[in-house]
């Protein structure tokens, strides 16, 4: 038997999440079906993490055991010819027999994207949340800083969470601005010029905002609730220091809304030295 790891990207729009569910179309189900078509084996796929319905992945890592003799360099291309167009295997690797894509991950990074321009981007609307008014990015960064470190994140998970402990560690979190303004003609109409924005939304910014959160583990809806809460900080509905208070309260009702799923992507999974 060989243990094969795949790096997979997918558009989660049309799937009920990554993990297989009876009667539902899932990314895991499509991958296992493609493996069966290729090798004739019913593989049990292990993923580095689950993604909810509508959530995407730039870098999902999965692994499975196979007795197939298909050369490792053929797996990615062969699987892609058997997968729908919204799932792509980027590469395939032979890994040690006891490698587990979830248990051996050091950390994972999720990215949540917010489009603060006046109109949505037609070509990226599946991958970013459109928020048509500017946000105070400095206030959001200040609020985000309170979440870095080891904390009980009960405030930032769904009441449906079944985890015995809500203590998690965020090792890094930041906001980046990807400006798509002048070149796209956003301010071509004088009614919507920069001076108008500065007068009506002082201290706030338009553009594409990427929220990156890196942690050793995550809870159900955790990043989406963080995003929803930070958006309220950016709108001025909450003060940045309120983030520390609601974190300490361990009460989901005190946090902001769960941001829509399509703005979220599993961005990166990092491993250390693989087991031997």
C-alpha atoms as a PDB file:
ATOM      1  CA  UNK A   1       0.000   0.000   0.000  1.00  0.00           C
ATOM      2  CA  UNK A   2       1.120   3.553  -0.718  1.00  0.00           C
ATOM      3  CA  UNK A   3       0.025   6.733   1.024  1.00  0.00           C
ATOM      4  CA  UNK A   4      -0.633   9.536  -1.466  1.00  0.00           C
ATOM      5  CA  UNK A   5      -1.194  13.189  -0.585  1.00  0.00           C
ATOM      6  CA  UNK A   6      -2.919  15.626  -2.944  1.00  0.00           C
ATOM      7  CA  UNK A   7      -2.968  19.414  -2.929  1.00  0.00           C
ATOM      8  CA  UNK A   8      -6.448  20.368  -4.082  1.00  0.00           C
ATOM      9  CA  UNK A   9      -8.109  23.660  -5.026  1.00  0.00           C
ATOM     10  CA  UNK A  10     -11.853  24.066  -5.430  1.00  0.00           C
ATOM     11  CA  UNK A  11     -14.678  26.506  -5.908  1.00  0.00           C
ATOM     12  CA  UNK A  12     -17.108  25.500  -3.161  1.00  0.00           C
ATOM     13  CA  UNK A  13     -20.119  27.377  -4.558  1.00  0.00           C
ATOM     14  CA  UNK A  14     -22.047  24.333  -5.723  1.00  0.00           C
ATOM     15  CA  UNK A  15     -21.061  21.931  -2.924  1.00  0.00           C
ATOM     16  CA  UNK A  16     -22.439  21.165   0.525  1.00  0.00           C
ATOM     17  CA  UNK A  17     -18.964  21.535   1.988  1.00  0.00           C
ATOM     18  CA  UNK A  18     -15.857  19.386   1.777  1.00  0.00           C
ATOM     19  CA  UNK A  19     -16.850  16.405   3.918  1.00  0.00           C
ATOM     20  CA  UNK A  20     -19.016  13.614   2.515  1.00  0.00           C
ATOM     21  CA  UNK A  21     -22.678  13.755   3.548  1.00  0.00           C
ATOM     22  CA  UNK A  22     -25.445  11.317   2.606  1.00  0.00           C
ATOM     23  CA  UNK A  23     -27.439  12.583  -0.344  1.00  0.00           C
ATOM     24  CA  UNK A  24     -25.309  15.714  -0.790  1.00  0.00           C
ATOM     25  CA  UNK A  25     -22.783  16.773  -3.413  1.00  0.00           C
ATOM     26  CA  UNK A  26     -19.442  17.337  -1.649  1.00  0.00           C
ATOM     27  CA  UNK A  27     -15.830  17.908  -2.658  1.00  0.00           C
ATOM     28  CA  UNK A  28     -14.699  14.774  -0.834  1.00  0.00           C
ATOM     29  CA  UNK A  29     -17.335  12.753  -2.627  1.00  0.00           C
ATOM     30  CA  UNK A  30     -16.206  14.014  -6.048  1.00  0.00           C
ATOM     31  CA  UNK A  31     -12.555  13.276  -5.250  1.00  0.00           C
ATOM     32  CA  UNK A  32     -13.301   9.748  -4.025  1.00  0.00           C
ATOM     33  CA  UNK A  33     -15.419   9.129  -7.113  1.00  0.00           C
ATOM     34  CA  UNK A  34     -12.553  10.272  -9.369  1.00  0.00           C
ATOM     35  CA  UNK A  35     -10.089   8.019  -7.512  1.00  0.00           C
ATOM     36  CA  UNK A  36     -12.447   5.066  -8.025  1.00  0.00           C
ATOM     37  CA  UNK A  37     -12.788   5.813 -11.739  1.00  0.00           C
ATOM     38  CA  UNK A  38      -9.011   5.963 -12.060  1.00  0.00           C
ATOM     39  CA  UNK A  39      -7.869   3.074  -9.844  1.00  0.00           C
ATOM     40  CA  UNK A  40     -10.957   0.946  -9.279  1.00  0.00           C
ATOM     41  CA  UNK A  41     -10.480   1.386  -5.505  1.00  0.00           C
ATOM     42  CA  UNK A  42     -12.890   2.826  -2.955  1.00  0.00           C
ATOM     43  CA  UNK A  43     -10.418   5.086  -1.165  1.00  0.00           C
ATOM     44  CA  UNK A  44     -11.111   6.680   2.207  1.00  0.00           C
ATOM     45  CA  UNK A  45      -9.976  10.272   1.846  1.00  0.00           C
ATOM     46  CA  UNK A  46      -8.608  12.222   4.821  1.00  0.00           C
ATOM     47  CA  UNK A  47      -8.670  16.031   4.627  1.00  0.00           C
ATOM     48  CA  UNK A  48      -6.593  18.640   6.442  1.00  0.00           C
ATOM     49  CA  UNK A  49      -9.846  20.288   7.507  1.00  0.00           C
ATOM     50  CA  UNK A  50     -13.505  20.713   6.698  1.00  0.00           C
ATOM     51  CA  UNK A  51     -14.919  23.630   4.769  1.00  0.00           C
ATOM     52  CA  UNK A  52     -18.587  24.576   4.977  1.00  0.00           C
ATOM     53  CA  UNK A  53     -21.058  24.798   2.120  1.00  0.00           C
ATOM     54  CA  UNK A  54     -20.052  27.581  -0.265  1.00  0.00           C
ATOM     55  CA  UNK A  55     -16.516  27.930   1.128  1.00  0.00           C
ATOM     56  CA  UNK A  56     -13.551  27.591  -1.236  1.00  0.00           C
ATOM     57  CA  UNK A  57     -10.018  26.243  -0.982  1.00  0.00           C
ATOM     58  CA  UNK A  58      -6.800  27.395  -2.603  1.00  0.00           C
ATOM     59  CA  UNK A  59      -4.820  24.716  -0.763  1.00  0.00           C
ATOM     60  CA  UNK A  60      -6.682  21.775   0.723  1.00  0.00           C
ATOM     61  CA  UNK A  61      -4.417  18.830   1.541  1.00  0.00           C
ATOM     62  CA  UNK A  62      -5.847  15.307   1.479  1.00  0.00           C
ATOM     63  CA  UNK A  63      -4.344  11.840   1.669  1.00  0.00           C
ATOM     64  CA  UNK A  64      -5.444   8.265   1.032  1.00  0.00           C
ATOM     65  CA  UNK A  65      -4.051   4.735   0.891  1.00  0.00           C
ATOM     66  CA  UNK A  66      -3.910   2.852  -2.397  1.00  0.00           C
ATOM     67  CA  UNK A  67      -2.554  -0.419  -3.741  1.00  0.00           C
ATOM     68  CA  UNK A  68      -2.611   0.971  -7.288  1.00  0.00           C
ATOM     69  CA  UNK A  69       0.670   0.907  -9.213  1.00  0.00           C
ATOM     70  CA  UNK A  70      -0.139   4.090 -11.155  1.00  0.00           C
ATOM     71  CA  UNK A  71       3.047   6.246 -11.121  1.00  0.00           C
ATOM     72  CA  UNK A  72       2.816   9.174  -8.729  1.00  0.00           C
ATOM     73  CA  UNK A  73       3.566  11.687 -11.497  1.00  0.00           C
ATOM     74  CA  UNK A  74       0.385  10.641 -13.330  1.00  0.00           C
ATOM     75  CA  UNK A  75      -2.111  11.029 -10.516  1.00  0.00           C
ATOM     76  CA  UNK A  76      -2.805  14.772 -10.729  1.00  0.00           C
ATOM     77  CA  UNK A  77      -3.408  14.901 -14.490  1.00  0.00           C
ATOM     78  CA  UNK A  78      -5.378  11.654 -14.490  1.00  0.00           C
ATOM     79  CA  UNK A  79      -7.651  12.748 -11.647  1.00  0.00           C
ATOM     80  CA  UNK A  80      -8.269  16.168 -13.211  1.00  0.00           C
ATOM     81  CA  UNK A  81      -9.667  14.508 -16.343  1.00  0.00           C
ATOM     82  CA  UNK A  82     -12.189  12.745 -14.095  1.00  0.00           C
ATOM     83  CA  UNK A  83     -13.120  15.690 -11.875  1.00  0.00           C
ATOM     84  CA  UNK A  84     -15.615  18.520 -12.501  1.00  0.00           C
ATOM     85  CA  UNK A  85     -14.073  21.807 -13.590  1.00  0.00           C
ATOM     86  CA  UNK A  86     -14.488  23.453 -10.183  1.00  0.00           C
ATOM     87  CA  UNK A  87     -12.133  20.972  -8.460  1.00  0.00           C
ATOM     88  CA  UNK A  88      -8.452  20.805  -9.446  1.00  0.00           C
ATOM     89  CA  UNK A  89      -5.663  18.588  -8.123  1.00  0.00           C
ATOM     90  CA  UNK A  90      -2.580  20.791  -8.165  1.00  0.00           C
ATOM     91  CA  UNK A  91      -0.045  18.072  -7.341  1.00  0.00           C
ATOM     92  CA  UNK A  92       0.371  14.582  -5.876  1.00  0.00           C
ATOM     93  CA  UNK A  93       3.081  13.250  -3.539  1.00  0.00           C
ATOM     94  CA  UNK A  94       4.110   9.977  -1.963  1.00  0.00           C
ATOM     95  CA  UNK A  95       4.130  10.462   1.816  1.00  0.00           C
ATOM     96  CA  UNK A  96       5.068   8.196   4.754  1.00  0.00           C
ATOM     97  CA  UNK A  97       2.593   5.451   5.624  1.00  0.00           C
ATOM     98  CA  UNK A  98       1.532   7.130   8.876  1.00  0.00           C
ATOM     99  CA  UNK A  99       1.122  10.640   7.435  1.00  0.00           C
ATOM    100  CA  UNK A 100      -2.281  12.155   8.259  1.00  0.00           C
ATOM    101  CA  UNK A 101      -3.207  15.387   6.491  1.00  0.00           C
ATOM    102  CA  UNK A 102      -5.054  16.810   9.510  1.00  0.00           C
ATOM    103  CA  UNK A 103      -3.119  15.436  12.484  1.00  0.00           C
ATOM    104  CA  UNK A 104       0.283  16.432  11.107  1.00  0.00           C
ATOM    105  CA  UNK A 105      -0.631  19.974  10.013  1.00  0.00           C
ATOM    106  CA  UNK A 106       1.233  22.612  12.035  1.00  0.00           C
ATOM    107  CA  UNK A 107      -1.168  25.407  11.141  1.00  0.00           C
ATOM    108  CA  UNK A 108      -3.729  26.513   8.601  1.00  0.00           C
ATOM    109  CA  UNK A 109      -4.496  29.915   7.113  1.00  0.00           C
ATOM    110  CA  UNK A 110      -7.939  31.074   6.047  1.00  0.00           C
ATOM    111  CA  UNK A 111      -8.573  34.192   3.958  1.00  0.00           C
ATOM    112  CA  UNK A 112     -11.792  36.201   4.039  1.00  0.00           C
ATOM    113  CA  UNK A 113     -12.248  38.778   1.269  1.00  0.00           C
ATOM    114  CA  UNK A 114     -14.427  41.886   1.501  1.00  0.00           C
ATOM    115  CA  UNK A 115     -15.096  44.106  -1.509  1.00  0.00           C
ATOM    116  CA  UNK A 116     -15.665  47.640  -0.202  1.00  0.00           C
ATOM    117  CA  UNK A 117     -16.106  49.208  -3.617  1.00  0.00           C
ATOM    118  CA  UNK A 118     -19.428  50.730  -4.570  1.00  0.00           C
ATOM    119  CA  UNK A 119     -20.305  48.005  -7.072  1.00  0.00           C
ATOM    120  CA  UNK A 120     -19.531  44.268  -6.975  1.00  0.00           C
ATOM    121  CA  UNK A 121     -16.882  42.712  -9.189  1.00  0.00           C
ATOM    122  CA  UNK A 122     -18.778  40.587 -11.702  1.00  0.00           C
ATOM    123  CA  UNK A 123     -15.865  38.230 -12.242  1.00  0.00           C
ATOM    124  CA  UNK A 124     -14.958  37.727  -8.564  1.00  0.00           C
ATOM    125  CA  UNK A 125     -18.381  37.887  -6.974  1.00  0.00           C
ATOM    126  CA  UNK A 126     -18.221  34.198  -5.995  1.00  0.00           C
ATOM    127  CA  UNK A 127     -15.089  34.749  -3.917  1.00  0.00           C
ATOM    128  CA  UNK A 128     -15.644  38.001  -2.057  1.00  0.00           C
ATOM    129  CA  UNK A 129     -18.329  39.554   0.120  1.00  0.00           C
ATOM    130  CA  UNK A 130     -19.570  42.816  -1.360  1.00  0.00           C
ATOM    131  CA  UNK A 131     -19.829  45.549   1.283  1.00  0.00           C
ATOM    132  CA  UNK A 132     -20.717  48.704  -0.690  1.00  0.00           C
ATOM    133  CA  UNK A 133     -19.560  51.222   1.921  1.00  0.00           C
ATOM    134  CA  UNK A 134     -15.949  51.888   3.027  1.00  0.00           C
ATOM    135  CA  UNK A 135     -14.476  50.455   6.231  1.00  0.00           C
ATOM    136  CA  UNK A 136     -12.113  51.790   8.871  1.00  0.00           C
ATOM    137  CA  UNK A 137      -9.207  49.399   8.350  1.00  0.00           C
ATOM    138  CA  UNK A 138      -7.081  50.730  11.199  1.00  0.00           C
ATOM    139  CA  UNK A 139      -9.884  50.118  13.684  1.00  0.00           C
ATOM    140  CA  UNK A 140     -10.321  46.613  12.281  1.00  0.00           C
ATOM    141  CA  UNK A 141      -6.597  45.904  12.657  1.00  0.00           C
ATOM    142  CA  UNK A 142      -6.710  47.119  16.243  1.00  0.00           C
ATOM    143  CA  UNK A 143      -9.652  44.857  17.020  1.00  0.00           C
ATOM    144  CA  UNK A 144      -8.079  41.892  15.271  1.00  0.00           C
ATOM    145  CA  UNK A 145      -4.946  42.117  17.430  1.00  0.00           C
ATOM    146  CA  UNK A 146      -6.942  41.107  20.516  1.00  0.00           C
ATOM    147  CA  UNK A 147      -7.601  37.684  18.984  1.00  0.00           C
ATOM    148  CA  UNK A 148      -3.968  36.663  18.490  1.00  0.00           C
ATOM    149  CA  UNK A 149      -2.742  34.087  20.996  1.00  0.00           C
ATOM    150  CA  UNK A 150      -4.345  31.213  22.888  1.00  0.00           C
ATOM    151  CA  UNK A 151      -7.920  31.956  23.955  1.00  0.00           C
ATOM    152  CA  UNK A 152     -11.262  30.341  24.586  1.00  0.00           C
ATOM    153  CA  UNK A 153     -13.094  31.211  21.357  1.00  0.00           C
ATOM    154  CA  UNK A 154     -16.597  30.227  22.528  1.00  0.00           C
ATOM    155  CA  UNK A 155     -17.793  33.696  21.460  1.00  0.00           C
ATOM    156  CA  UNK A 156     -16.574  33.003  17.927  1.00  0.00           C
ATOM    157  CA  UNK A 157     -18.124  29.627  17.206  1.00  0.00           C
ATOM    158  CA  UNK A 158     -21.575  28.368  16.344  1.00  0.00           C
ATOM    159  CA  UNK A 159     -23.770  27.047  19.169  1.00  0.00           C
ATOM    160  CA  UNK A 160     -23.868  23.863  17.060  1.00  0.00           C
ATOM    161  CA  UNK A 161     -20.178  23.216  17.763  1.00  0.00           C
ATOM    162  CA  UNK A 162     -19.609  19.772  19.261  1.00  0.00           C
ATOM    163  CA  UNK A 163     -15.969  20.287  20.251  1.00  0.00           C
ATOM    164  CA  UNK A 164     -15.239  19.489  23.932  1.00  0.00           C
ATOM    165  CA  UNK A 165     -12.939  22.518  24.193  1.00  0.00           C
ATOM    166  CA  UNK A 166     -13.111  25.881  22.455  1.00  0.00           C
ATOM    167  CA  UNK A 167      -9.548  26.863  23.322  1.00  0.00           C
ATOM    168  CA  UNK A 168      -7.615  27.574  20.141  1.00  0.00           C
ATOM    169  CA  UNK A 169      -4.437  29.442  19.206  1.00  0.00           C
ATOM    170  CA  UNK A 170      -4.275  32.112  16.508  1.00  0.00           C
ATOM    171  CA  UNK A 171      -0.601  32.556  15.692  1.00  0.00           C
ATOM    172  CA  UNK A 172      -0.990  35.360  13.168  1.00  0.00           C
ATOM    173  CA  UNK A 173      -3.758  37.622  11.845  1.00  0.00           C
ATOM    174  CA  UNK A 174      -3.639  40.593   9.511  1.00  0.00           C
ATOM    175  CA  UNK A 175      -5.563  42.720   7.027  1.00  0.00           C
ATOM    176  CA  UNK A 176      -4.272  43.550   3.567  1.00  0.00           C
ATOM    177  CA  UNK A 177      -5.719  46.073   1.132  1.00  0.00           C
ATOM    178  CA  UNK A 178      -5.771  45.187  -2.546  1.00  0.00           C
ATOM    179  CA  UNK A 179      -6.660  48.468  -4.225  1.00  0.00           C
ATOM    180  CA  UNK A 180      -8.815  48.196  -7.325  1.00  0.00           C
ATOM    181  CA  UNK A 181     -10.034  51.742  -7.726  1.00  0.00           C
ATOM    182  CA  UNK A 182      -8.681  54.179 -10.294  1.00  0.00           C
ATOM    183  CA  UNK A 183      -7.911  51.591 -12.979  1.00  0.00           C
ATOM    184  CA  UNK A 184     -11.438  50.206 -12.806  1.00  0.00           C
ATOM    185  CA  UNK A 185     -12.999  53.625 -13.204  1.00  0.00           C
ATOM    186  CA  UNK A 186     -14.636  53.617  -9.779  1.00  0.00           C
ATOM    187  CA  UNK A 187     -14.361  57.393  -9.498  1.00  0.00           C
ATOM    188  CA  UNK A 188     -15.174  58.182 -13.140  1.00  0.00           C
ATOM    189  CA  UNK A 189     -18.605  59.486 -12.112  1.00  0.00           C
ATOM    190  CA  UNK A 190     -18.114  62.821 -10.343  1.00  0.00           C
ATOM    191  CA  UNK A 191     -21.037  62.047  -8.008  1.00  0.00           C
ATOM    192  CA  UNK A 192     -18.950  59.219  -6.555  1.00  0.00           C
ATOM    193  CA  UNK A 193     -15.561  60.907  -6.478  1.00  0.00           C
ATOM    194  CA  UNK A 194     -12.948  60.519  -3.761  1.00  0.00           C
ATOM    195  CA  UNK A 195     -13.814  63.855  -2.171  1.00  0.00           C
ATOM    196  CA  UNK A 196     -17.436  62.726  -1.784  1.00  0.00           C
ATOM    197  CA  UNK A 197     -16.317  59.544  -0.028  1.00  0.00           C
ATOM    198  CA  UNK A 198     -13.923  61.399   2.244  1.00  0.00           C
ATOM    199  CA  UNK A 199     -16.665  63.824   3.244  1.00  0.00           C
ATOM    200  CA  UNK A 200     -19.298  61.175   3.944  1.00  0.00           C
ATOM    201  CA  UNK A 201     -17.013  58.371   5.218  1.00  0.00           C
ATOM    202  CA  UNK A 202     -14.094  60.096   6.979  1.00  0.00           C
ATOM    203  CA  UNK A 203     -11.248  57.772   7.915  1.00  0.00           C
ATOM    204  CA  UNK A 204     -12.652  54.882   5.908  1.00  0.00           C
ATOM    205  CA  UNK A 205     -11.272  53.077   2.885  1.00  0.00           C
ATOM    206  CA  UNK A 206     -12.560  51.525  -0.319  1.00  0.00           C
ATOM    207  CA  UNK A 207     -10.887  48.629  -2.086  1.00  0.00           C
ATOM    208  CA  UNK A 208     -10.581  44.886  -1.641  1.00  0.00           C
ATOM    209  CA  UNK A 209      -9.783  43.870   1.933  1.00  0.00           C
ATOM    210  CA  UNK A 210      -8.255  40.456   2.660  1.00  0.00           C
ATOM    211  CA  UNK A 211      -8.436  39.142   6.229  1.00  0.00           C
ATOM    212  CA  UNK A 212      -5.850  36.398   6.869  1.00  0.00           C
ATOM    213  CA  UNK A 213      -6.111  34.275  10.011  1.00  0.00           C
ATOM    214  CA  UNK A 214      -3.500  31.594  10.770  1.00  0.00           C
ATOM    215  CA  UNK A 215      -4.107  29.149  13.596  1.00  0.00           C
ATOM    216  CA  UNK A 216      -3.246  25.704  14.862  1.00  0.00           C
ATOM    217  CA  UNK A 217      -6.929  24.783  14.752  1.00  0.00           C
ATOM    218  CA  UNK A 218     -10.326  26.337  14.100  1.00  0.00           C
ATOM    219  CA  UNK A 219     -13.895  25.965  15.340  1.00  0.00           C
ATOM    220  CA  UNK A 220     -17.123  25.732  13.346  1.00  0.00           C
ATOM    221  CA  UNK A 221     -17.783  29.141  11.678  1.00  0.00           C
ATOM    222  CA  UNK A 222     -14.921  30.705  13.654  1.00  0.00           C
ATOM    223  CA  UNK A 223     -13.321  32.772  10.875  1.00  0.00           C
ATOM    224  CA  UNK A 224     -16.692  33.856   9.466  1.00  0.00           C
ATOM    225  CA  UNK A 225     -17.816  35.131  12.891  1.00  0.00           C
ATOM    226  CA  UNK A 226     -14.502  36.942  13.333  1.00  0.00           C
ATOM    227  CA  UNK A 227     -15.032  38.549   9.905  1.00  0.00           C
ATOM    228  CA  UNK A 228     -18.612  39.553  10.721  1.00  0.00           C
ATOM    229  CA  UNK A 229     -17.508  41.135  14.001  1.00  0.00           C
ATOM    230  CA  UNK A 230     -14.601  43.017  12.423  1.00  0.00           C
ATOM    231  CA  UNK A 231     -16.860  44.385   9.708  1.00  0.00           C
ATOM    232  CA  UNK A 232     -18.989  45.945  12.444  1.00  0.00           C
ATOM    233  CA  UNK A 233     -15.830  47.480  13.915  1.00  0.00           C
ATOM    234  CA  UNK A 234     -14.963  48.845  10.468  1.00  0.00           C
ATOM    235  CA  UNK A 235     -18.445  50.315  10.141  1.00  0.00           C
ATOM    236  CA  UNK A 236     -18.076  52.099  13.486  1.00  0.00           C
ATOM    237  CA  UNK A 237     -20.817  50.043  15.153  1.00  0.00           C
ATOM    238  CA  UNK A 238     -18.289  48.677  17.658  1.00  0.00           C
ATOM    239  CA  UNK A 239     -15.083  50.031  19.136  1.00  0.00           C
ATOM    240  CA  UNK A 240     -11.901  47.988  18.546  1.00  0.00           C
ATOM    241  CA  UNK A 241     -11.493  47.298  22.276  1.00  0.00           C
ATOM    242  CA  UNK A 242     -14.972  45.728  22.301  1.00  0.00           C
ATOM    243  CA  UNK A 243     -13.398  42.696  20.600  1.00  0.00           C
ATOM    244  CA  UNK A 244     -11.437  41.916  23.767  1.00  0.00           C
ATOM    245  CA  UNK A 245     -14.590  42.209  25.875  1.00  0.00           C
ATOM    246  CA  UNK A 246     -16.714  39.902  23.753  1.00  0.00           C
ATOM    247  CA  UNK A 247     -13.869  37.364  23.504  1.00  0.00           C
ATOM    248  CA  UNK A 248     -13.613  37.259  27.299  1.00  0.00           C
ATOM    249  CA  UNK A 249     -17.395  36.903  27.684  1.00  0.00           C
ATOM    250  CA  UNK A 250     -17.457  33.502  25.877  1.00  0.00           C
ATOM    251  CA  UNK A 251     -20.970  34.295  24.638  1.00  0.00           C
ATOM    252  CA  UNK A 252     -21.785  33.875  20.928  1.00  0.00           C
ATOM    253  CA  UNK A 253     -24.696  36.313  21.226  1.00  0.00           C
ATOM    254  CA  UNK A 254     -22.281  39.182  21.866  1.00  0.00           C
ATOM    255  CA  UNK A 255     -20.292  38.777  18.622  1.00  0.00           C
ATOM    256  CA  UNK A 256     -21.225  39.996  15.177  1.00  0.00           C
ATOM    257  CA  UNK A 257     -23.061  38.022  12.485  1.00  0.00           C
ATOM    258  CA  UNK A 258     -21.623  35.005  10.725  1.00  0.00           C
ATOM    259  CA  UNK A 259     -20.255  36.467   7.469  1.00  0.00           C
ATOM    260  CA  UNK A 260     -21.463  34.879   4.230  1.00  0.00           C
ATOM    261  CA  UNK A 261     -19.532  31.728   3.243  1.00  0.00           C
ATOM    262  CA  UNK A 262     -18.449  32.651  -0.279  1.00  0.00           C
ATOM    263  CA  UNK A 263     -15.909  35.216   0.949  1.00  0.00           C
ATOM    264  CA  UNK A 264     -13.926  32.507   2.751  1.00  0.00           C
ATOM    265  CA  UNK A 265     -11.136  30.309   1.378  1.00  0.00           C
ATOM    266  CA  UNK A 266      -8.831  27.760   2.987  1.00  0.00           C
ATOM    267  CA  UNK A 267      -5.642  29.465   1.878  1.00  0.00           C
ATOM    268  CA  UNK A 268      -2.669  27.451   3.111  1.00  0.00           C
ATOM    269  CA  UNK A 269      -1.800  24.379   5.188  1.00  0.00           C
ATOM    270  CA  UNK A 270       1.711  24.158   6.652  1.00  0.00           C
ATOM    271  CA  UNK A 271       3.525  20.982   7.660  1.00  0.00           C
ATOM    272  CA  UNK A 272       6.807  20.472   9.441  1.00  0.00           C
ATOM    273  CA  UNK A 273       9.008  17.426   9.025  1.00  0.00           C
ATOM    274  CA  UNK A 274       6.868  14.553   7.821  1.00  0.00           C
ATOM    275  CA  UNK A 275       6.688  11.410   9.965  1.00  0.00           C
ATOM    276  CA  UNK A 276       8.952   8.556   8.937  1.00  0.00           C
END
